[in-house]
Structures are given as structure tokens and as C-alpha cells.
Amino acid sequence: MVKAYVLIEAKVGSSTGLMEILKDNPSVISASRVTGPYDVIAVVQEEDLGRVHDLVTEQIHHLDGVLRTTTSVAVG
């Protein structure tokens, strides 16, 4: 299994809605609103790196309110 942290920059006022959508996704272990340069951090887990890529590019990027993401894959 591959675990990754998806750091999400969101449009103003959209982080709460994004949290609800992300938490409904079975690949999302947790999601939190945070302070700093990002608005939401989602912890995701998938079978392999290709599926993490697909989750981020085909699902998370297309959510209304997402401006951009940065993904960090856990290595330990």
C-alpha cells in the first residue's frame, strides 16, 4: 500500500465543502483544514503509486474549489 499526503490550495470559502467530499472517498484516510499556504491536507492510501496518481489527477483535481495540489508520498 502507498500512503500520500495531498496538500490542497482551495478557493476562498470552499474548504469546508471539499472536506465533506474528500471524507466520502474510500481512498481518503483523513482530511483536515489547516493554516498556512495550504487549506486542506488529505491523507490518502492506495494499492500503488499509479492509483495515487489517478486519484489525485482524475478525482481530486476536478473537485470544485481545488486550485492546485502538492502530493508527498510517505517513504517510511
C-alpha atoms as a PDB file:
ATOM      1  CA  MET A   1       0.000   0.000   0.000  1.00  0.00           C
ATOM      2  CA  VAL A   2       1.105   3.555  -0.738  1.00  0.00           C
ATOM      3  CA  LYS A   3       0.240   6.416   1.625  1.00  0.00           C
ATOM      4  CA  ALA A   4       0.478  10.028   0.472  1.00  0.00           C
ATOM      5  CA  TYR A   5      -0.298  13.484   1.766  1.00  0.00           C
ATOM      6  CA  VAL A   6      -2.217  15.672  -0.669  1.00  0.00           C
ATOM      7  CA  LEU A   7      -1.823  19.363   0.173  1.00  0.00           C
ATOM      8  CA  ILE A   8      -4.643  21.344  -1.387  1.00  0.00           C
ATOM      9  CA  GLU A   9      -4.912  25.037  -2.136  1.00  0.00           C
ATOM     10  CA  ALA A  10      -8.604  25.916  -2.345  1.00  0.00           C
ATOM     11  CA  LYS A  11     -10.747  28.827  -3.465  1.00  0.00           C
ATOM     12  CA  VAL A  12     -11.841  31.105  -0.648  1.00  0.00           C
ATOM     13  CA  GLY A  13     -14.824  29.629   1.194  1.00  0.00           C
ATOM     14  CA  SER A  14     -14.620  26.171  -0.351  1.00  0.00           C
ATOM     15  CA  SER A  15     -12.510  24.229   2.160  1.00  0.00           C
ATOM     16  CA  THR A  16     -15.438  23.013   4.265  1.00  0.00           C
ATOM     17  CA  GLY A  17     -17.240  21.592   1.227  1.00  0.00           C
ATOM     18  CA  LEU A  18     -14.047  19.981  -0.008  1.00  0.00           C
ATOM     19  CA  MET A  19     -13.569  18.289   3.357  1.00  0.00           C
ATOM     20  CA  GLU A  20     -17.005  16.672   3.164  1.00  0.00           C
ATOM     21  CA  ILE A  21     -16.416  15.391  -0.379  1.00  0.00           C
ATOM     22  CA  LEU A  22     -12.939  14.082   0.433  1.00  0.00           C
ATOM     23  CA  LYS A  23     -14.130  12.223   3.535  1.00  0.00           C
ATOM     24  CA  ASP A  24     -16.683  10.347   1.393  1.00  0.00           C
ATOM     25  CA  ASN A  25     -13.878   8.945  -0.795  1.00  0.00           C
ATOM     26  CA  PRO A  26     -12.815   5.476   0.415  1.00  0.00           C
ATOM     27  CA  SER A  27      -9.163   6.178  -0.518  1.00  0.00           C
ATOM     28  CA  VAL A  28      -9.016   9.167   1.840  1.00  0.00           C
ATOM     29  CA  ILE A  29      -7.907   8.085   5.312  1.00  0.00           C
ATOM     30  CA  SER A  30      -8.373  11.574   6.762  1.00  0.00           C
ATOM     31  CA  ALA A  31      -8.756  15.192   5.729  1.00  0.00           C
ATOM     32  CA  SER A  32      -8.095  18.317   7.785  1.00  0.00           C
ATOM     33  CA  ARG A  33      -8.445  22.041   7.278  1.00  0.00           C
ATOM     34  CA  VAL A  34      -5.107  23.673   8.068  1.00  0.00           C
ATOM     35  CA  THR A  35      -3.483  27.084   8.296  1.00  0.00           C
ATOM     36  CA  GLY A  36      -0.578  28.222   6.163  1.00  0.00           C
ATOM     37  CA  PRO A  37      -0.046  28.069   2.420  1.00  0.00           C
ATOM     38  CA  TYR A  38      -2.481  25.147   2.023  1.00  0.00           C
ATOM     39  CA  ASP A  39      -6.123  24.965   3.042  1.00  0.00           C
ATOM     40  CA  VAL A  40      -6.726  21.218   3.305  1.00  0.00           C
ATOM     41  CA  ILE A  41      -4.438  18.234   3.787  1.00  0.00           C
ATOM     42  CA  ALA A  42      -5.797  14.828   2.798  1.00  0.00           C
ATOM     43  CA  VAL A  43      -4.092  11.586   3.734  1.00  0.00           C
ATOM     44  CA  VAL A  44      -4.743   9.005   1.026  1.00  0.00           C
ATOM     45  CA  GLN A  45      -3.905   5.334   0.690  1.00  0.00           C
ATOM     46  CA  GLU A  46      -3.981   3.246  -2.464  1.00  0.00           C
ATOM     47  CA  GLU A  47      -2.668  -0.058  -3.805  1.00  0.00           C
ATOM     48  CA  ASP A  48       0.229   1.510  -5.723  1.00  0.00           C
ATOM     49  CA  LEU A  49       1.694   4.821  -6.853  1.00  0.00           C
ATOM     50  CA  GLY A  50      -0.207   4.723 -10.145  1.00  0.00           C
ATOM     51  CA  ARG A  51      -3.507   4.635  -8.292  1.00  0.00           C
ATOM     52  CA  VAL A  52      -2.434   7.552  -6.086  1.00  0.00           C
ATOM     53  CA  HIS A  53      -1.617   9.466  -9.264  1.00  0.00           C
ATOM     54  CA  ASP A  54      -5.023   8.638 -10.767  1.00  0.00           C
ATOM     55  CA  LEU A  55      -6.832   9.604  -7.560  1.00  0.00           C
ATOM     56  CA  VAL A  56      -5.155  12.999  -7.460  1.00  0.00           C
ATOM     57  CA  THR A  57      -5.274  13.853 -11.168  1.00  0.00           C
ATOM     58  CA  GLU A  58      -8.636  12.351 -12.095  1.00  0.00           C
ATOM     59  CA  GLN A  59     -10.649  12.940  -8.926  1.00  0.00           C
ATOM     60  CA  ILE A  60      -9.194  15.499  -6.519  1.00  0.00           C
ATOM     61  CA  HIS A  61      -8.037  17.981  -9.185  1.00  0.00           C
ATOM     62  CA  HIS A  62     -11.549  18.046 -10.641  1.00  0.00           C
ATOM     63  CA  LEU A  63     -13.328  18.898  -7.385  1.00  0.00           C
ATOM     64  CA  ASP A  64     -14.979  22.289  -7.381  1.00  0.00           C
ATOM     65  CA  GLY A  65     -12.861  24.678  -5.343  1.00  0.00           C
ATOM     66  CA  VAL A  66      -9.470  22.995  -5.834  1.00  0.00           C
ATOM     67  CA  LEU A  67      -6.921  25.440  -7.232  1.00  0.00           C
ATOM     68  CA  ARG A  68      -3.794  23.255  -7.062  1.00  0.00           C
ATOM     69  CA  THR A  69      -2.299  20.364  -5.152  1.00  0.00           C
ATOM     70  CA  THR A  70       1.072  19.129  -3.977  1.00  0.00           C
ATOM     71  CA  THR A  71       1.426  15.425  -3.254  1.00  0.00           C
ATOM     72  CA  SER A  72       4.039  13.971  -0.910  1.00  0.00           C
ATOM     73  CA  VAL A  73       4.411  10.206  -0.825  1.00  0.00           C
ATOM     74  CA  ALA A  74       5.250   8.678   2.565  1.00  0.00           C
ATOM     75  CA  VAL A  75       8.520   6.750   2.444  1.00  0.00           C
ATOM     76  CA  GLY A  76       8.660   5.162   5.850  1.00  0.00           C
END
